[in-house]
Amino acid sequence: MTKTGYLAHNTLLTANVLAADCITSDAYATSFMVMGLDKTKAFLKTHPELWVYLIFTDEKGSYQVWESPQMKSITTDAKEE
């Protein structure tokens, strides 16, 4: 929900956040869902302590993934195993 009380409408489908504790992860994930993809990516440039995995739809409606550099380090390792 945004400050208007209406649901946020954007292409971001899910935001997965790894942080110092569960409540912080949940708060950021909820915030990112409201902020949308572009604002979230801009915000994360100054918050390297957050590890983030986003799933969104592109202009054609296809599913896409964006990972923070920190998250890429662990997902790349998992793919290689």
N, C-alpha and C. Protein backbone atom coordinates (compact mmCIF):
# COMPACT_ATOMS: atom_id res chain seq x y z
N MET A 1 0.84 -1.16 0.00
CA MET A 1 0.00 0.00 0.00
C MET A 1 0.89 1.24 0.00
N THR A 2 0.50 2.24 -0.71
CA THR A 2 1.25 3.48 -0.77
C THR A 2 0.67 4.48 0.22
N LYS A 3 1.21 5.68 0.24
CA LYS A 3 0.68 6.69 1.16
C LYS A 3 -0.74 7.12 0.80
N THR A 4 -1.21 6.78 -0.40
CA THR A 4 -2.58 7.10 -0.79
C THR A 4 -3.57 6.09 -0.25
N GLY A 5 -3.09 4.93 0.18
CA GLY A 5 -3.98 3.87 0.65
C GLY A 5 -4.31 2.86 -0.43
N TYR A 6 -3.95 3.17 -1.68
CA TYR A 6 -4.18 2.24 -2.79
C TYR A 6 -2.96 1.35 -2.98
N LEU A 7 -3.17 0.20 -3.57
CA LEU A 7 -2.06 -0.71 -3.85
C LEU A 7 -1.09 -0.08 -4.83
N ALA A 8 0.19 -0.41 -4.70
CA ALA A 8 1.20 0.05 -5.65
C ALA A 8 1.10 -0.79 -6.91
N HIS A 9 1.15 -0.14 -8.05
CA HIS A 9 1.12 -0.85 -9.32
C HIS A 9 2.45 -0.65 -10.03
N ASN A 10 3.22 -1.73 -10.16
CA ASN A 10 4.49 -1.68 -10.86
C ASN A 10 4.80 -3.08 -11.37
N THR A 11 5.93 -3.24 -12.00
CA THR A 11 6.29 -4.52 -12.61
C THR A 11 7.02 -5.46 -11.66
N LEU A 12 7.32 -4.99 -10.47
CA LEU A 12 8.04 -5.82 -9.49
C LEU A 12 7.08 -6.86 -8.91
N LEU A 13 7.44 -8.13 -9.04
CA LEU A 13 6.58 -9.22 -8.58
C LEU A 13 6.97 -9.73 -7.20
N THR A 14 8.27 -9.77 -6.93
CA THR A 14 8.74 -10.21 -5.61
C THR A 14 10.09 -9.59 -5.31
N ALA A 15 10.31 -9.34 -4.03
CA ALA A 15 11.58 -8.80 -3.55
C ALA A 15 12.05 -9.68 -2.40
N ASN A 16 13.19 -10.31 -2.58
CA ASN A 16 13.78 -11.15 -1.54
C ASN A 16 15.01 -10.43 -1.00
N VAL A 17 15.05 -10.25 0.30
CA VAL A 17 16.12 -9.45 0.91
C VAL A 17 16.79 -10.24 2.03
N LEU A 18 18.11 -10.28 2.00
CA LEU A 18 18.90 -10.82 3.11
C LEU A 18 19.50 -9.63 3.84
N ALA A 19 19.26 -9.56 5.14
CA ALA A 19 19.77 -8.46 5.96
C ALA A 19 20.20 -9.03 7.31
N ALA A 20 20.54 -8.16 8.23
CA ALA A 20 21.06 -8.58 9.53
C ALA A 20 20.07 -9.40 10.34
N ASP A 21 18.78 -9.13 10.17
CA ASP A 21 17.76 -9.88 10.91
C ASP A 21 16.48 -9.94 10.09
N CYS A 22 15.58 -10.78 10.52
CA CYS A 22 14.35 -11.04 9.78
C CYS A 22 13.46 -9.81 9.65
N ILE A 23 13.32 -9.06 10.72
CA ILE A 23 12.42 -7.90 10.66
C ILE A 23 12.93 -6.84 9.69
N THR A 24 14.25 -6.68 9.61
CA THR A 24 14.84 -5.74 8.66
C THR A 24 14.61 -6.23 7.23
N SER A 25 14.83 -7.51 7.00
CA SER A 25 14.59 -8.08 5.67
C SER A 25 13.15 -7.88 5.23
N ASP A 26 12.22 -8.15 6.12
CA ASP A 26 10.80 -8.01 5.79
C ASP A 26 10.43 -6.56 5.52
N ALA A 27 10.93 -5.65 6.32
CA ALA A 27 10.62 -4.24 6.13
C ALA A 27 11.14 -3.73 4.79
N TYR A 28 12.37 -4.09 4.45
CA TYR A 28 12.92 -3.66 3.16
C TYR A 28 12.18 -4.31 1.99
N ALA A 29 11.88 -5.58 2.09
CA ALA A 29 11.16 -6.26 1.00
C ALA A 29 9.81 -5.60 0.75
N THR A 30 9.10 -5.27 1.81
CA THR A 30 7.81 -4.59 1.66
C THR A 30 8.00 -3.21 1.04
N SER A 31 8.99 -2.49 1.50
CA SER A 31 9.27 -1.16 0.94
C SER A 31 9.61 -1.23 -0.54
N PHE A 32 10.41 -2.22 -0.91
CA PHE A 32 10.81 -2.35 -2.31
C PHE A 32 9.62 -2.66 -3.20
N MET A 33 8.68 -3.44 -2.70
CA MET A 33 7.48 -3.74 -3.49
C MET A 33 6.69 -2.47 -3.78
N VAL A 34 6.69 -1.53 -2.87
CA VAL A 34 6.00 -0.26 -3.09
C VAL A 34 6.83 0.65 -3.98
N MET A 35 8.15 0.67 -3.78
CA MET A 35 9.03 1.54 -4.55
C MET A 35 9.11 1.16 -6.02
N GLY A 36 9.03 -0.11 -6.31
CA GLY A 36 9.18 -0.56 -7.69
C GLY A 36 10.63 -0.79 -8.04
N LEU A 37 10.86 -1.31 -9.22
CA LEU A 37 12.19 -1.75 -9.65
C LEU A 37 13.22 -0.63 -9.72
N ASP A 38 12.94 0.44 -10.43
CA ASP A 38 13.94 1.48 -10.65
C ASP A 38 14.34 2.19 -9.35
N LYS A 39 13.38 2.54 -8.53
CA LYS A 39 13.70 3.22 -7.27
C LYS A 39 14.45 2.28 -6.32
N THR A 40 14.09 1.00 -6.35
CA THR A 40 14.78 0.02 -5.50
C THR A 40 16.24 -0.11 -5.93
N LYS A 41 16.48 -0.23 -7.22
CA LYS A 41 17.86 -0.35 -7.70
C LYS A 41 18.67 0.89 -7.35
N ALA A 42 18.08 2.06 -7.47
CA ALA A 42 18.78 3.30 -7.12
C ALA A 42 19.09 3.33 -5.62
N PHE A 43 18.13 2.94 -4.80
CA PHE A 43 18.32 2.90 -3.35
C PHE A 43 19.45 1.95 -2.97
N LEU A 44 19.52 0.81 -3.62
CA LEU A 44 20.51 -0.20 -3.27
C LEU A 44 21.94 0.21 -3.61
N LYS A 45 22.11 1.19 -4.46
CA LYS A 45 23.47 1.67 -4.76
C LYS A 45 24.16 2.21 -3.52
N THR A 46 23.39 2.67 -2.56
CA THR A 46 23.98 3.23 -1.33
C THR A 46 23.76 2.33 -0.11
N HIS A 47 23.29 1.10 -0.35
CA HIS A 47 23.05 0.17 0.75
C HIS A 47 23.63 -1.22 0.44
N PRO A 48 24.95 -1.32 0.40
CA PRO A 48 25.59 -2.60 0.06
C PRO A 48 25.39 -3.68 1.12
N GLU A 49 24.90 -3.30 2.30
CA GLU A 49 24.67 -4.29 3.35
C GLU A 49 23.45 -5.17 3.06
N LEU A 50 22.64 -4.78 2.08
CA LEU A 50 21.45 -5.56 1.72
C LEU A 50 21.74 -6.44 0.51
N TRP A 51 21.40 -7.68 0.61
CA TRP A 51 21.55 -8.64 -0.47
C TRP A 51 20.14 -8.87 -1.04
N VAL A 52 19.96 -8.59 -2.32
CA VAL A 52 18.60 -8.53 -2.86
C VAL A 52 18.47 -9.32 -4.16
N TYR A 53 17.34 -10.00 -4.30
CA TYR A 53 16.98 -10.77 -5.49
C TYR A 53 15.57 -10.32 -5.87
N LEU A 54 15.42 -9.73 -7.05
CA LEU A 54 14.13 -9.21 -7.51
C LEU A 54 13.64 -9.97 -8.73
N ILE A 55 12.36 -10.27 -8.77
CA ILE A 55 11.73 -10.84 -9.95
C ILE A 55 10.69 -9.83 -10.43
N PHE A 56 10.72 -9.53 -11.73
CA PHE A 56 9.83 -8.52 -12.29
C PHE A 56 9.44 -8.92 -13.71
N THR A 57 8.51 -8.19 -14.27
CA THR A 57 8.14 -8.41 -15.68
C THR A 57 8.68 -7.27 -16.52
N ASP A 58 9.13 -7.60 -17.72
CA ASP A 58 9.60 -6.57 -18.64
C ASP A 58 8.41 -6.02 -19.44
N GLU A 59 8.71 -5.15 -20.39
CA GLU A 59 7.65 -4.51 -21.18
C GLU A 59 6.84 -5.50 -22.02
N LYS A 60 7.38 -6.68 -22.27
CA LYS A 60 6.67 -7.72 -23.02
C LYS A 60 5.90 -8.67 -22.10
N GLY A 61 6.03 -8.48 -20.79
CA GLY A 61 5.35 -9.36 -19.84
C GLY A 61 6.14 -10.60 -19.47
N SER A 62 7.39 -10.68 -19.92
CA SER A 62 8.25 -11.83 -19.60
C SER A 62 8.89 -11.64 -18.23
N TYR A 63 9.10 -12.74 -17.54
CA TYR A 63 9.75 -12.69 -16.23
C TYR A 63 11.23 -12.40 -16.38
N GLN A 64 11.73 -11.53 -15.52
CA GLN A 64 13.14 -11.17 -15.49
C GLN A 64 13.62 -11.19 -14.04
N VAL A 65 14.93 -11.28 -13.88
CA VAL A 65 15.55 -11.32 -12.55
C VAL A 65 16.62 -10.24 -12.48
N TRP A 66 16.71 -9.59 -11.33
CA TRP A 66 17.80 -8.67 -11.03
C TRP A 66 18.34 -9.04 -9.67
N GLU A 67 19.67 -9.12 -9.57
CA GLU A 67 20.33 -9.46 -8.30
C GLU A 67 21.33 -8.38 -7.94
N SER A 68 21.40 -8.06 -6.66
CA SER A 68 22.46 -7.15 -6.21
C SER A 68 23.79 -7.88 -6.37
N PRO A 69 24.90 -7.16 -6.48
CA PRO A 69 26.20 -7.82 -6.62
C PRO A 69 26.48 -8.82 -5.51
N GLN A 70 26.08 -8.51 -4.28
CA GLN A 70 26.31 -9.42 -3.16
C GLN A 70 25.52 -10.71 -3.35
N MET A 71 24.28 -10.58 -3.80
CA MET A 71 23.45 -11.76 -4.01
C MET A 71 23.99 -12.60 -5.18
N LYS A 72 24.49 -11.95 -6.22
CA LYS A 72 25.06 -12.69 -7.35
C LYS A 72 26.18 -13.60 -6.91
N SER A 73 26.95 -13.17 -5.92
CA SER A 73 28.07 -13.99 -5.47
C SER A 73 27.61 -15.32 -4.91
N ILE A 74 26.47 -15.36 -4.25
CA ILE A 74 26.01 -16.64 -3.70
C ILE A 74 25.16 -17.43 -4.70
N THR A 75 24.43 -16.75 -5.58
CA THR A 75 23.62 -17.49 -6.55
C THR A 75 24.51 -18.09 -7.64
N THR A 76 25.59 -17.41 -7.98
CA THR A 76 26.53 -17.96 -8.95
C THR A 76 27.20 -19.21 -8.40
N ASP A 77 27.60 -19.17 -7.13
CA ASP A 77 28.21 -20.33 -6.49
C ASP A 77 27.24 -21.51 -6.47
N ALA A 78 25.98 -21.25 -6.20
CA ALA A 78 24.98 -22.32 -6.14
C ALA A 78 24.76 -22.94 -7.51
N LYS A 79 24.80 -22.16 -8.57
CA LYS A 79 24.61 -22.66 -9.93
C LYS A 79 25.76 -23.56 -10.37
N GLU A 80 26.96 -23.29 -9.83
CA GLU A 80 28.13 -24.06 -10.22
C GLU A 80 28.22 -25.41 -9.53
N GLU A 81 27.48 -25.60 -8.46
CA GLU A 81 27.55 -26.87 -7.71
C GLU A 81 26.79 -27.97 -8.40
